[in-house]
Amino acid sequence: MKREDAKLPKNVWFRQELFDCKVFNNETGAELGVITDVSETGANDVWHIEKEGKEYLIPAIKDVVIDVDVETGVVIIRPMKGIFDDEN
């Protein structure tokens, strides 16, 4: 099925469309990696982000995910403390 054939509400996308999207920190603009997988946990999806051979898991919740643009392959997030190595 093609996205243009689907009647998806705004801010809804196919899981496969997230793969290879670049993820950026909303405050610093730093690239955090790319989405490589999505896991279902029941409460919310968890996105797997990979950068330089390391994998980070972020909850796909509105407090974290700021913007998703699958057409340009860009995702903006507000990282939770302790998930990425360079955070205090």
PDB file of N, CA and C in Angstrom:
ATOM      1  N   MET A   1       0.838  -1.176   0.000  1.00  0.00           N
ATOM      2  CA  MET A   1       0.000   0.000   0.000  1.00  0.00           C
ATOM      3  C   MET A   1       0.890   1.248   0.000  1.00  0.00           C
ATOM      4  N   LYS A   2       0.523   2.201  -0.779  1.00  0.00           N
ATOM      5  CA  LYS A   2       1.244   3.462  -0.828  1.00  0.00           C
ATOM      6  C   LYS A   2       0.608   4.443   0.152  1.00  0.00           C
ATOM      7  N   ARG A   3       1.443   5.292   0.728  1.00  0.00           N
ATOM      8  CA  ARG A   3       0.946   6.280   1.688  1.00  0.00           C
ATOM      9  C   ARG A   3      -0.153   7.138   1.074  1.00  0.00           C
ATOM     10  N   GLU A   4       0.037   7.562  -0.160  1.00  0.00           N
ATOM     11  CA  GLU A   4      -0.963   8.433  -0.780  1.00  0.00           C
ATOM     12  C   GLU A   4      -2.303   7.728  -0.991  1.00  0.00           C
ATOM     13  N   ASP A   5      -2.304   6.385  -0.972  1.00  0.00           N
ATOM     14  CA  ASP A   5      -3.538   5.622  -1.099  1.00  0.00           C
ATOM     15  C   ASP A   5      -4.244   5.426   0.244  1.00  0.00           C
ATOM     16  N   ALA A   6      -3.523   5.644   1.319  1.00  0.00           N
ATOM     17  CA  ALA A   6      -4.084   5.449   2.659  1.00  0.00           C
ATOM     18  C   ALA A   6      -4.741   6.735   3.150  1.00  0.00           C
ATOM     19  N   LYS A   7      -5.761   6.604   3.909  1.00  0.00           N
ATOM     20  CA  LYS A   7      -6.452   7.744   4.508  1.00  0.00           C
ATOM     21  C   LYS A   7      -6.008   7.866   5.961  1.00  0.00           C
ATOM     22  N   LEU A   8      -4.754   8.305   6.156  1.00  0.00           N
ATOM     23  CA  LEU A   8      -4.198   8.413   7.498  1.00  0.00           C
ATOM     24  C   LEU A   8      -4.445   9.797   8.073  1.00  0.00           C
ATOM     25  N   PRO A   9      -4.783   9.865   9.354  1.00  0.00           N
ATOM     26  CA  PRO A   9      -4.932  11.175  10.001  1.00  0.00           C
ATOM     27  C   PRO A   9      -3.574  11.881  10.080  1.00  0.00           C
ATOM     28  N   LYS A  10      -3.611  13.180  10.326  1.00  0.00           N
ATOM     29  CA  LYS A  10      -2.386  13.952  10.490  1.00  0.00           C
ATOM     30  C   LYS A  10      -1.563  13.384  11.637  1.00  0.00           C
ATOM     31  N   ASN A  11      -0.255  13.415  11.491  1.00  0.00           N
ATOM     32  CA  ASN A  11       0.696  12.908  12.488  1.00  0.00           C
ATOM     33  C   ASN A  11       0.599  11.402  12.711  1.00  0.00           C
ATOM     34  N   VAL A  12       0.151  10.696  11.683  1.00  0.00           N
ATOM     35  CA  VAL A  12       0.136   9.236  11.709  1.00  0.00           C
ATOM     36  C   VAL A  12       0.908   8.772  10.490  1.00  0.00           C
ATOM     37  N   TRP A  13       1.757   7.769  10.668  1.00  0.00           N
ATOM     38  CA  TRP A  13       2.596   7.298   9.585  1.00  0.00           C
ATOM     39  C   TRP A  13       2.752   5.791   9.689  1.00  0.00           C
ATOM     40  N   PHE A  14       3.179   5.203   8.601  1.00  0.00           N
ATOM     41  CA  PHE A  14       3.506   3.782   8.615  1.00  0.00           C
ATOM     42  C   PHE A  14       4.844   3.610   9.324  1.00  0.00           C
ATOM     43  N   ARG A  15       4.971   2.568  10.099  1.00  0.00           N
ATOM     44  CA  ARG A  15       6.199   2.280  10.841  1.00  0.00           C
ATOM     45  C   ARG A  15       7.422   2.304   9.918  1.00  0.00           C
ATOM     46  N   GLN A  16       7.297   1.718   8.734  1.00  0.00           N
ATOM     47  CA  GLN A  16       8.418   1.632   7.801  1.00  0.00           C
ATOM     48  C   GLN A  16       8.898   3.015   7.363  1.00  0.00           C
ATOM     49  N   GLU A  17       8.012   4.003   7.388  1.00  0.00           N
ATOM     50  CA  GLU A  17       8.396   5.354   6.991  1.00  0.00           C
ATOM     51  C   GLU A  17       9.367   5.994   7.977  1.00  0.00           C
ATOM     52  N   LEU A  18       9.385   5.499   9.208  1.00  0.00           N
ATOM     53  CA  LEU A  18      10.290   6.037  10.226  1.00  0.00           C
ATOM     54  C   LEU A  18      11.720   5.539  10.047  1.00  0.00           C
ATOM     55  N   PHE A  19      11.865   4.351   9.467  1.00  0.00           N
ATOM     56  CA  PHE A  19      13.195   3.763   9.323  1.00  0.00           C
ATOM     57  C   PHE A  19      14.090   4.671   8.489  1.00  0.00           C
ATOM     58  N   ASP A  20      15.290   4.881   8.968  1.00  0.00           N
ATOM     59  CA  ASP A  20      16.322   5.720   8.341  1.00  0.00           C
ATOM     60  C   ASP A  20      16.071   7.218   8.481  1.00  0.00           C
ATOM     61  N   CYS A  21      15.007   7.613   9.201  1.00  0.00           N
ATOM     62  CA  CYS A  21      14.830   9.040   9.478  1.00  0.00           C
ATOM     63  C   CYS A  21      15.936   9.493  10.430  1.00  0.00           C
ATOM     64  N   LYS A  22      16.494  10.667  10.171  1.00  0.00           N
ATOM     65  CA  LYS A  22      17.503  11.245  11.051  1.00  0.00           C
ATOM     66  C   LYS A  22      16.801  11.911  12.231  1.00  0.00           C
ATOM     67  N   VAL A  23      17.367  11.710  13.422  1.00  0.00           N
ATOM     68  CA  VAL A  23      16.778  12.229  14.654  1.00  0.00           C
ATOM     69  C   VAL A  23      17.667  13.349  15.187  1.00  0.00           C
ATOM     70  N   PHE A  24      17.039  14.486  15.527  1.00  0.00           N
ATOM     71  CA  PHE A  24      17.770  15.651  16.003  1.00  0.00           C
ATOM     72  C   PHE A  24      17.237  16.111  17.356  1.00  0.00           C
ATOM     73  N   ASN A  25      18.140  16.660  18.176  1.00  0.00           N
ATOM     74  CA  ASN A  25      17.802  17.241  19.465  1.00  0.00           C
ATOM     75  C   ASN A  25      17.140  18.591  19.224  1.00  0.00           C
ATOM     76  N   ASN A  26      15.989  18.825  19.807  1.00  0.00           N
ATOM     77  CA  ASN A  26      15.247  20.073  19.570  1.00  0.00           C
ATOM     78  C   ASN A  26      15.945  21.294  20.144  1.00  0.00           C
ATOM     79  N   GLU A  27      16.757  21.141  21.174  1.00  0.00           N
ATOM     80  CA  GLU A  27      17.413  22.294  21.797  1.00  0.00           C
ATOM     81  C   GLU A  27      18.754  22.628  21.160  1.00  0.00           C
ATOM     82  N   THR A  28      19.551  21.601  20.860  1.00  0.00           N
ATOM     83  CA  THR A  28      20.913  21.838  20.367  1.00  0.00           C
ATOM     84  C   THR A  28      21.022  21.702  18.856  1.00  0.00           C
ATOM     85  N   GLY A  29      20.061  21.009  18.238  1.00  0.00           N
ATOM     86  CA  GLY A  29      20.146  20.747  16.810  1.00  0.00           C
ATOM     87  C   GLY A  29      21.070  19.602  16.462  1.00  0.00           C
ATOM     88  N   ALA A  30      21.684  18.986  17.474  1.00  0.00           N
ATOM     89  CA  ALA A  30      22.631  17.897  17.245  1.00  0.00           C
ATOM     90  C   ALA A  30      21.915  16.674  16.676  1.00  0.00           C
ATOM     91  N   GLU A  31      22.564  16.022  15.705  1.00  0.00           N
ATOM     92  CA  GLU A  31      22.011  14.779  15.177  1.00  0.00           C
ATOM     93  C   GLU A  31      22.276  13.675  16.186  1.00  0.00           C
ATOM     94  N   LEU A  32      21.225  12.949  16.556  1.00  0.00           N
ATOM     95  CA  LEU A  32      21.312  11.904  17.560  1.00  0.00           C
ATOM     96  C   LEU A  32      21.417  10.516  16.960  1.00  0.00           C
ATOM     97  N   GLY A  33      21.168  10.380  15.666  1.00  0.00           N
ATOM     98  CA  GLY A  33      21.247   9.088  15.002  1.00  0.00           C
ATOM     99  C   GLY A  33      20.092   8.907  14.035  1.00  0.00           C
ATOM    100  N   VAL A  34      19.875   7.654  13.642  1.00  0.00           N
ATOM    101  CA  VAL A  34      18.784   7.325  12.725  1.00  0.00           C
ATOM    102  C   VAL A  34      17.906   6.243  13.342  1.00  0.00           C
ATOM    103  N   ILE A  35      16.644   6.275  13.003  1.00  0.00           N
ATOM    104  CA  ILE A  35      15.706   5.256  13.498  1.00  0.00           C
ATOM    105  C   ILE A  35      15.917   3.982  12.699  1.00  0.00           C
ATOM    106  N   THR A  36      16.175   2.895  13.426  1.00  0.00           N
ATOM    107  CA  THR A  36      16.439   1.609  12.779  1.00  0.00           C
ATOM    108  C   THR A  36      15.351   0.573  13.015  1.00  0.00           C
ATOM    109  N   ASP A  37      14.532   0.796  14.056  1.00  0.00           N
ATOM    110  CA  ASP A  37      13.494  -0.181  14.378  1.00  0.00           C
ATOM    111  C   ASP A  37      12.466   0.475  15.286  1.00  0.00           C
ATOM    112  N   VAL A  38      11.316  -0.160  15.394  1.00  0.00           N
ATOM    113  CA  VAL A  38      10.250   0.288  16.285  1.00  0.00           C
ATOM    114  C   VAL A  38       9.726  -0.932  17.020  1.00  0.00           C
ATOM    115  N   SER A  39       9.652  -0.838  18.350  1.00  0.00           N
ATOM    116  CA  SER A  39       9.104  -1.926  19.170  1.00  0.00           C
ATOM    117  C   SER A  39       7.787  -1.480  19.781  1.00  0.00           C
ATOM    118  N   GLU A  40       6.844  -2.401  19.860  1.00  0.00           N
ATOM    119  CA  GLU A  40       5.576  -2.136  20.531  1.00  0.00           C
ATOM    120  C   GLU A  40       5.677  -2.641  21.960  1.00  0.00           C
ATOM    121  N   THR A  41       5.331  -1.789  22.929  1.00  0.00           N
ATOM    122  CA  THR A  41       5.414  -2.193  24.333  1.00  0.00           C
ATOM    123  C   THR A  41       4.050  -2.317  24.979  1.00  0.00           C
ATOM    124  N   GLY A  42       3.033  -1.873  24.283  1.00  0.00           N
ATOM    125  CA  GLY A  42       1.687  -1.875  24.856  1.00  0.00           C
ATOM    126  C   GLY A  42       1.275  -0.470  25.225  1.00  0.00           C
ATOM    127  N   ALA A  43       2.065   0.182  26.084  1.00  0.00           N
ATOM    128  CA  ALA A  43       1.747   1.554  26.490  1.00  0.00           C
ATOM    129  C   ALA A  43       2.082   2.544  25.385  1.00  0.00           C
ATOM    130  N   ASN A  44       3.231   2.346  24.750  1.00  0.00           N
ATOM    131  CA  ASN A  44       3.674   3.227  23.663  1.00  0.00           C
ATOM    132  C   ASN A  44       4.729   2.489  22.853  1.00  0.00           C
ATOM    133  N   ASP A  45       4.959   2.972  21.645  1.00  0.00           N
ATOM    134  CA  ASP A  45       6.043   2.410  20.841  1.00  0.00           C
ATOM    135  C   ASP A  45       7.372   2.914  21.382  1.00  0.00           C
ATOM    136  N   VAL A  46       8.412   2.150  21.112  1.00  0.00           N
ATOM    137  CA  VAL A  46       9.772   2.538  21.454  1.00  0.00           C
ATOM    138  C   VAL A  46      10.562   2.573  20.159  1.00  0.00           C
ATOM    139  N   TRP A  47      11.220   3.703  19.906  1.00  0.00           N
ATOM    140  CA  TRP A  47      12.024   3.844  18.702  1.00  0.00           C
ATOM    141  C   TRP A  47      13.472   3.508  19.010  1.00  0.00           C
ATOM    142  N   HIS A  48      14.070   2.721  18.137  1.00  0.00           N
ATOM    143  CA  HIS A  48      15.475   2.355  18.250  1.00  0.00           C
ATOM    144  C   HIS A  48      16.266   3.338  17.389  1.00  0.00           C
ATOM    145  N   ILE A  49      17.174   4.054  18.022  1.00  0.00           N
ATOM    146  CA  ILE A  49      17.996   5.035  17.315  1.00  0.00           C
ATOM    147  C   ILE A  49      19.441   4.555  17.371  1.00  0.00           C
ATOM    148  N   GLU A  50      20.078   4.507  16.213  1.00  0.00           N
ATOM    149  CA  GLU A  50      21.461   4.051  16.157  1.00  0.00           C
ATOM    150  C   GLU A  50      22.372   5.172  15.701  1.00  0.00           C
ATOM    151  N   LYS A  51      23.518   5.266  16.403  1.00  0.00           N
ATOM    152  CA  LYS A  51      24.554   6.225  16.014  1.00  0.00           C
ATOM    153  C   LYS A  51      25.904   5.650  16.389  1.00  0.00           C
ATOM    154  N   GLU A  52      26.779   5.584  15.413  1.00  0.00           N
ATOM    155  CA  GLU A  52      28.152   5.118  15.607  1.00  0.00           C
ATOM    156  C   GLU A  52      28.202   3.777  16.337  1.00  0.00           C
ATOM    157  N   GLY A  53      27.350   2.857  15.920  1.00  0.00           N
ATOM    158  CA  GLY A  53      27.351   1.511  16.473  1.00  0.00           C
ATOM    159  C   GLY A  53      26.659   1.353  17.813  1.00  0.00           C
ATOM    160  N   LYS A  54      26.120   2.419  18.365  1.00  0.00           N
ATOM    161  CA  LYS A  54      25.400   2.345  19.641  1.00  0.00           C
ATOM    162  C   LYS A  54      23.911   2.482  19.370  1.00  0.00           C
ATOM    163  N   GLU A  55      23.123   1.790  20.181  1.00  0.00           N
ATOM    164  CA  GLU A  55      21.671   1.866  20.047  1.00  0.00           C
ATOM    165  C   GLU A  55      21.076   2.539  21.273  1.00  0.00           C
ATOM    166  N   TYR A  56      20.162   3.456  21.018  1.00  0.00           N
ATOM    167  CA  TYR A  56      19.448   4.174  22.070  1.00  0.00           C
ATOM    168  C   TYR A  56      17.961   3.912  21.881  1.00  0.00           C
ATOM    169  N   LEU A  57      17.239   3.769  22.975  1.00  0.00           N
ATOM    170  CA  LEU A  57      15.807   3.513  22.931  1.00  0.00           C
ATOM    171  C   LEU A  57      15.073   4.716  23.503  1.00  0.00           C
ATOM    172  N   ILE A  58      14.136   5.245  22.713  1.00  0.00           N
ATOM    173  CA  ILE A  58      13.345   6.379  23.202  1.00  0.00           C
ATOM    174  C   ILE A  58      11.864   6.035  23.118  1.00  0.00           C
ATOM    175  N   PRO A  59      11.102   6.467  24.115  1.00  0.00           N
ATOM    176  CA  PRO A  59       9.663   6.254  24.046  1.00  0.00           C
ATOM    177  C   PRO A  59       9.042   7.219  23.044  1.00  0.00           C
ATOM    178  N   ALA A  60       8.184   6.731  22.205  1.00  0.00           N
ATOM    179  CA  ALA A  60       7.498   7.576  21.218  1.00  0.00           C
ATOM    180  C   ALA A  60       6.255   8.165  21.874  1.00  0.00           C
ATOM    181  N   ILE A  61       6.499   9.144  22.738  1.00  0.00           N
ATOM    182  CA  ILE A  61       5.419   9.816  23.464  1.00  0.00           C
ATOM    183  C   ILE A  61       5.489  11.315  23.164  1.00  0.00           C
ATOM    184  N   LYS A  62       4.389  12.017  23.378  1.00  0.00           N
ATOM    185  CA  LYS A  62       4.325  13.428  23.004  1.00  0.00           C
ATOM    186  C   LYS A  62       5.284  14.307  23.796  1.00  0.00           C
ATOM    187  N   ASP A  63       5.690  13.898  24.992  1.00  0.00           N
ATOM    188  CA  ASP A  63       6.668  14.675  25.757  1.00  0.00           C
ATOM    189  C   ASP A  63       8.069  14.583  25.159  1.00  0.00           C
ATOM    190  N   VAL A  64       8.322  13.569  24.355  1.00  0.00           N
ATOM    191  CA  VAL A  64       9.643  13.356  23.753  1.00  0.00           C
ATOM    192  C   VAL A  64       9.646  13.737  22.273  1.00  0.00           C
ATOM    193  N   VAL A  65       8.687  13.247  21.529  1.00  0.00           N
ATOM    194  CA  VAL A  65       8.648  13.476  20.082  1.00  0.00           C
ATOM    195  C   VAL A  65       8.010  14.842  19.800  1.00  0.00           C
ATOM    196  N   ILE A  66       8.797  15.742  19.211  1.00  0.00           N
ATOM    197  CA  ILE A  66       8.333  17.091  18.921  1.00  0.00           C
ATOM    198  C   ILE A  66       7.738  17.175  17.521  1.00  0.00           C
ATOM    199  N   ASP A  67       8.457  16.611  16.531  1.00  0.00           N
ATOM    200  CA  ASP A  67       8.005  16.704  15.148  1.00  0.00           C
ATOM    201  C   ASP A  67       8.519  15.522  14.348  1.00  0.00           C
ATOM    202  N   VAL A  68       7.698  15.012  13.468  1.00  0.00           N
ATOM    203  CA  VAL A  68       8.071  13.923  12.567  1.00  0.00           C
ATOM    204  C   VAL A  68       7.701  14.352  11.149  1.00  0.00           C
ATOM    205  N   ASP A  69       8.694  14.360  10.277  1.00  0.00           N
ATOM    206  CA  ASP A  69       8.455  14.667   8.864  1.00  0.00           C
ATOM    207  C   ASP A  69       9.053  13.534   8.047  1.00  0.00           C
ATOM    208  N   VAL A  70       8.226  12.520   7.775  1.00  0.00           N
ATOM    209  CA  VAL A  70       8.730  11.346   7.054  1.00  0.00           C
ATOM    210  C   VAL A  70       9.073  11.675   5.612  1.00  0.00           C
ATOM    211  N   GLU A  71       8.488  12.719   5.060  1.00  0.00           N
ATOM    212  CA  GLU A  71       8.791  13.095   3.676  1.00  0.00           C
ATOM    213  C   GLU A  71      10.227  13.584   3.535  1.00  0.00           C
ATOM    214  N   THR A  72      10.721  14.322   4.528  1.00  0.00           N
ATOM    215  CA  THR A  72      12.107  14.799   4.485  1.00  0.00           C
ATOM    216  C   THR A  72      13.047  13.895   5.268  1.00  0.00           C
ATOM    217  N   GLY A  73      12.469  12.937   6.015  1.00  0.00           N
ATOM    218  CA  GLY A  73      13.294  12.011   6.793  1.00  0.00           C
ATOM    219  C   GLY A  73      13.893  12.634   8.033  1.00  0.00           C
ATOM    220  N   VAL A  74      13.166  13.585   8.641  1.00  0.00           N
ATOM    221  CA  VAL A  74      13.673  14.295   9.817  1.00  0.00           C
ATOM    222  C   VAL A  74      12.699  14.143  10.982  1.00  0.00           C
ATOM    223  N   VAL A  75      13.266  13.791  12.144  1.00  0.00           N
ATOM    224  CA  VAL A  75      12.502  13.672  13.382  1.00  0.00           C
ATOM    225  C   VAL A  75      13.182  14.564  14.422  1.00  0.00           C
ATOM    226  N   ILE A  76      12.399  15.369  15.115  1.00  0.00           N
ATOM    227  CA  ILE A  76      12.910  16.243  16.172  1.00  0.00           C
ATOM    228  C   ILE A  76      12.378  15.718  17.500  1.00  0.00           C
ATOM    229  N   ILE A  77      13.300  15.526  18.457  1.00  0.00           N
ATOM    230  CA  ILE A  77      12.875  15.026  19.770  1.00  0.00           C
ATOM    231  C   ILE A  77      13.430  15.903  20.885  1.00  0.00           C
ATOM    232  N   ARG A  78      12.806  15.781  22.047  1.00  0.00           N
ATOM    233  CA  ARG A  78      13.292  16.361  23.289  1.00  0.00           C
ATOM    234  C   ARG A  78      13.822  15.166  24.089  1.00  0.00           C
ATOM    235  N   PRO A  79      15.142  14.931  24.045  1.00  0.00           N
ATOM    236  CA  PRO A  79      15.687  13.738  24.699  1.00  0.00           C
ATOM    237  C   PRO A  79      15.455  13.741  26.206  1.00  0.00           C
ATOM    238  N   MET A  80      15.159  12.562  26.727  1.00  0.00           N
ATOM    239  CA  MET A  80      15.027  12.402  28.168  1.00  0.00           C
ATOM    240  C   MET A  80      16.433  12.272  28.751  1.00  0.00           C
ATOM    241  N   LYS A  81      16.625  12.806  29.934  1.00  0.00           N
ATOM    242  CA  LYS A  81      17.936  12.732  30.578  1.00  0.00           C
ATOM    243  C   LYS A  81      18.391  11.284  30.728  1.00  0.00           C
ATOM    244  N   GLY A  82      19.682  11.069  30.440  1.00  0.00           N
ATOM    245  CA  GLY A  82      20.278   9.768  30.655  1.00  0.00           C
ATOM    246  C   GLY A  82      20.219   8.807  29.493  1.00  0.00           C
ATOM    247  N   ILE A  83      19.505   9.156  28.433  1.00  0.00           N
ATOM    248  CA  ILE A  83      19.398   8.222  27.303  1.00  0.00           C
ATOM    249  C   ILE A  83      20.633   8.317  26.412  1.00  0.00           C
ATOM    250  N   PHE A  84      21.074   9.514  26.103  1.00  0.00           N
ATOM    251  CA  PHE A  84      22.226   9.701  25.220  1.00  0.00           C
ATOM    252  C   PHE A  84      23.466  10.009  26.051  1.00  0.00           C
ATOM    253  N   ASP A  85      24.592   9.483  25.631  1.00  0.00           N
ATOM    254  CA  ASP A  85      25.847   9.587  26.396  1.00  0.00           C
ATOM    255  C   ASP A  85      26.277  11.006  26.712  1.00  0.00           C
ATOM    256  N   ASP A  86      26.023  11.949  25.811  1.00  0.00           N
ATOM    257  CA  ASP A  86      26.535  13.299  25.980  1.00  0.00           C
ATOM    258  C   ASP A  86      25.663  14.186  26.865  1.00  0.00           C
ATOM    259  N   GLU A  87      24.646  13.624  27.470  1.00  0.00           N
ATOM    260  CA  GLU A  87      23.778  14.414  28.330  1.00  0.00           C
ATOM    261  C   GLU A  87      24.293  14.434  29.751  1.00  0.00           C
ATOM    262  N   ASN A  88      24.012  15.516  30.457  1.00  0.00           N
ATOM    263  CA  ASN A  88      24.374  15.620  31.882  1.00  0.00           C
ATOM    264  C   ASN A  88      23.303  15.002  32.737  1.00  0.00           C
TER     265      ASN A  88
END
